[in-house]
Protein backbone atom coordinates (compact mmCIF):
# COMPACT_ATOMS: atom_id res chain seq x y z
CA ARG A 1 27.67 2.23 -2.10
CA GLN A 2 27.55 2.94 1.64
CA MET A 3 25.29 5.94 1.02
CA CYS A 4 22.88 3.76 -0.98
CA ILE A 5 22.64 1.23 1.85
CA ARG A 6 21.90 4.01 4.34
CA ASP A 7 19.18 5.40 2.01
CA SER A 8 17.61 1.97 1.79
CA CYS A 9 17.70 1.67 5.58
CA TYR A 10 15.94 5.02 6.01
CA TYR A 11 13.31 3.90 3.53
CA HIS A 12 12.69 0.53 5.17
CA MET A 13 12.57 2.12 8.63
CA GLY A 14 9.82 4.42 7.38
CA ASP A 15 11.90 7.60 7.58
CA TYR A 16 10.93 8.71 4.08
CA HIS A 17 11.98 12.34 4.52
CA SER A 18 15.56 11.28 5.33
CA ALA A 19 15.49 8.71 2.53
CA SER A 20 14.37 11.35 0.03
CA ARG A 21 17.14 13.73 1.12
CA MET A 22 19.73 10.99 0.71
CA TYR A 23 18.39 9.90 -2.68
CA GLU A 24 18.43 13.54 -3.75
CA GLN A 25 22.14 13.64 -2.96
CA LEU A 26 22.68 10.37 -4.83
CA THR A 27 20.93 11.73 -7.93
CA LYS A 28 23.30 14.70 -7.86
CA ILE A 29 26.38 12.49 -7.42
CA CYS A 30 25.23 9.91 -9.99
CA PRO A 31 22.91 11.78 -12.38
CA ASN A 32 22.92 8.96 -14.93
CA VAL A 33 21.58 6.28 -12.57
CA GLU A 34 17.85 6.27 -13.25
CA GLU A 35 17.14 3.86 -10.41
CA TYR A 36 18.20 6.48 -7.85
CA ARG A 37 15.73 8.94 -9.35
CA VAL A 38 13.00 6.31 -9.12
CA TYR A 39 13.85 5.68 -5.45
CA TYR A 40 13.95 9.43 -4.87
CA ALA A 41 10.46 9.85 -6.32
CA GLN A 42 9.16 6.86 -4.33
CA SER A 43 10.60 8.28 -1.12
CA MET A 44 8.98 11.64 -1.75
CA TYR A 45 5.65 9.91 -2.42
CA LYS A 46 5.90 7.94 0.82
CA ALA A 47 6.79 11.17 2.67
CA GLY A 48 3.57 12.75 1.39
CA MET A 49 5.38 15.10 -0.97
CA TYR A 50 2.99 14.32 -3.81
CA GLN A 51 3.57 17.35 -6.05
CA GLU A 52 7.34 16.91 -5.91
CA ALA A 53 7.11 13.16 -6.46
CA HIS A 54 4.83 13.63 -9.46
CA LYS A 55 7.08 16.28 -10.96
CA LEU A 56 10.19 14.11 -10.59
CA SER A 57 8.49 10.93 -11.79
CA SER A 58 7.26 12.66 -14.94
CA LEU A 59 10.88 13.57 -15.76
CA ILE A 60 12.10 9.96 -15.59
CA ASP A 61 12.25 8.47 -19.07
CA SER A 62 13.36 4.90 -18.65
CA ASP A 63 12.00 1.85 -20.45
CA GLN A 64 13.39 -0.33 -17.68
CA HIS A 65 11.39 1.49 -14.98
CA ALA A 66 8.37 2.56 -17.06
CA ASN A 67 5.80 0.35 -15.32
CA ARG A 68 7.08 1.33 -11.84
CA ILE A 69 6.86 5.01 -12.75
CA VAL A 70 3.32 4.76 -14.11
CA LYS A 71 2.21 2.82 -10.99
CA LEU A 72 3.82 5.50 -8.83
CA GLN A 73 2.04 8.24 -10.78
CA ALA A 74 -1.25 6.36 -10.37
CA ALA A 75 -0.67 6.08 -6.62
CA ILE A 76 0.16 9.78 -6.38
CA ALA A 77 -3.01 10.71 -8.28
CA TYR A 78 -5.04 8.38 -6.06
CA GLU A 79 -3.68 9.98 -2.87
CA GLN A 80 -4.70 13.36 -4.24
CA GLU A 81 -8.26 12.12 -4.89
CA GLU A 82 -7.81 12.47 -8.67
CA LEU A 83 -9.64 9.28 -9.67
CA PRO A 84 -9.95 9.96 -13.43
CA GLN A 85 -6.21 10.61 -13.64
CA THR A 86 -5.53 7.50 -11.52
CA LYS A 87 -7.57 5.43 -13.96
CA ALA A 88 -5.72 6.92 -16.92
CA PHE A 89 -2.38 5.93 -15.41
CA LEU A 90 -3.64 2.44 -14.53
CA GLU A 91 -4.68 1.87 -18.15
CA LYS A 92 -1.00 2.27 -19.12
CA CYS A 93 0.13 -0.38 -16.61
CA HIS A 94 0.53 -4.12 -17.05
CA VAL A 95 -2.92 -5.56 -16.35
CA ASP A 96 -1.57 -8.74 -14.75
CA ASP A 97 0.49 -6.85 -12.16
CA PRO A 98 -1.04 -7.56 -8.71
CA GLU A 99 -0.19 -4.04 -7.50
CA VAL A 100 -2.16 -2.61 -10.42
CA VAL A 101 -5.09 -4.89 -9.56
CA VAL A 102 -5.01 -3.60 -5.96
CA LEU A 103 -4.97 0.02 -7.15
CA GLN A 104 -7.91 -0.73 -9.46
CA GLY A 105 -9.74 -2.19 -6.47
CA CYS A 106 -9.02 0.92 -4.42
CA VAL A 107 -10.44 3.15 -7.16
CA LEU A 108 -13.56 0.98 -7.40
CA TYR A 109 -13.93 1.16 -3.61
CA LYS A 110 -13.73 4.96 -3.65
CA GLU A 111 -16.41 4.94 -6.34
CA ALA A 112 -18.60 2.85 -3.99
CA ASN A 113 -18.50 -0.13 -6.36
CA TYR A 114 -17.80 -2.54 -3.50
CA GLU A 115 -18.57 -5.78 -5.34
CA ALA A 116 -16.15 -4.98 -8.17
CA ALA A 117 -13.56 -3.77 -5.66
CA LEU A 118 -13.91 -7.01 -3.72
CA ALA A 119 -13.37 -9.01 -6.91
CA LYS A 120 -10.14 -7.07 -7.59
CA PHE A 121 -8.89 -7.55 -4.02
CA LEU A 122 -9.64 -11.28 -4.16
CA GLU A 123 -7.85 -11.51 -7.52
CA ALA A 124 -4.81 -9.80 -6.00
CA THR A 125 -4.95 -12.13 -2.97
CA ASN A 126 -4.88 -15.14 -5.31
CA ALA A 127 -1.72 -13.76 -6.91
CA LEU A 128 0.05 -12.45 -3.79
CA GLY A 129 -1.17 -14.75 -1.04
CA PHE A 130 -2.12 -13.44 2.38
CA LYS A 131 -1.36 -9.77 2.94
CA PRO A 132 -2.93 -8.15 6.03
CA ASP A 133 -3.66 -4.83 4.34
CA LEU A 134 -5.27 -6.57 1.39
CA THR A 135 -7.35 -8.78 3.68
CA TYR A 136 -8.42 -5.61 5.53
CA ASN A 137 -9.58 -4.13 2.20
CA ILE A 138 -11.59 -7.31 1.62
CA ALA A 139 -13.15 -6.96 5.08
CA LEU A 140 -14.09 -3.34 4.32
CA CYS A 141 -15.79 -4.34 1.07
CA TYR A 142 -17.82 -7.03 2.83
CA TYR A 143 -18.70 -4.54 5.57
CA ARG A 144 -19.86 -1.93 3.06
CA MET A 145 -22.00 -4.60 1.36
CA GLN A 146 -23.46 -5.36 4.83
CA GLN A 147 -22.04 -8.89 4.76
CA TYR A 148 -20.81 -8.80 8.33
CA GLY A 149 -20.00 -12.51 8.70
CA PRO A 150 -17.38 -12.56 5.91
CA SER A 151 -16.10 -9.19 7.12
CA LEU A 152 -15.53 -10.55 10.64
CA LYS A 153 -13.96 -13.69 9.18
CA SER A 154 -11.41 -11.55 7.30
CA ILE A 155 -10.60 -9.56 10.44
CA ALA A 156 -10.22 -12.81 12.41
CA GLU A 157 -7.80 -14.06 9.74
CA ILE A 158 -5.67 -10.93 10.14
CA ILE A 159 -5.60 -11.44 13.92
CA GLU A 160 -4.75 -15.16 13.63
CA LYS A 161 -1.90 -14.53 11.19
CA GLY A 162 -0.66 -11.68 13.38
CA ILE A 163 -0.57 -13.93 16.43
CA GLU A 164 1.20 -16.67 14.43
CA GLU A 165 3.89 -14.26 13.28
CA HIS A 166 4.04 -12.32 16.55
CA PRO A 167 3.08 -14.55 19.52
CA GLU A 168 3.56 -11.63 21.89
CA LEU A 169 0.30 -10.18 20.50
CA ASN A 170 -1.59 -13.07 22.10
CA ILE A 171 -0.98 -11.77 25.64
CA GLY A 172 -4.27 -11.20 27.40
CA SER A 173 -6.41 -12.89 24.78
CA ASN A 174 -6.53 -16.27 26.53
CA THR A 175 -9.17 -16.16 29.26
CA GLU A 176 -8.62 -19.82 30.35
CA GLY A 177 -12.30 -20.70 30.66
CA ASN A 178 -13.23 -17.43 32.35
CA GLU A 179 -15.71 -15.14 30.77
CA ALA A 180 -14.02 -12.32 28.89
CA ARG A 181 -14.23 -9.06 30.80
CA SER A 182 -15.35 -5.79 29.33
CA VAL A 183 -12.99 -2.85 29.38
CA GLY A 184 -15.90 -0.59 30.20
CA ASN A 185 -16.51 0.95 26.81
CA THR A 186 -19.96 2.41 26.27
CA GLN A 187 -22.11 1.32 23.35
CA VAL A 188 -21.23 4.58 21.61
């Protein structure tokens, strides 16, 4: 139990290599616990160990975790620029899953179908609420469609929410009636 908590801590701290090593040990200690194998594969994916994560995820045969595994395999294929394979995995997923909708949007974006990608990202936003990374994807779609106003509005929303959640980010942004000063960047 203590080992599992430590693994989870590594994962949530972003130390995916350590998390994958710990989950590997857990899968050896508890070979019948499928969830540990799922976490192991997810940790390897997050650590950029795509081949290993794909190999392990394809060995997991669990009805309980089937949708998670297929989404993971889709994400792995996407990271490796294998869009046809990503699509094939996404077709096996639950269509109403917001994470699947986001992945579909990412594939459409990579295919330069920005309007369809935007529709997917907006659909996911309706289901999930505000998520900064999702709002950034929306801003990118607007930007690629040369709709700069909505793009800037999305970026401003990210900044506003960031300042609300982390007031320390607001330091230096209030000019108190003074004209904002340039930091000396060139136009390039």
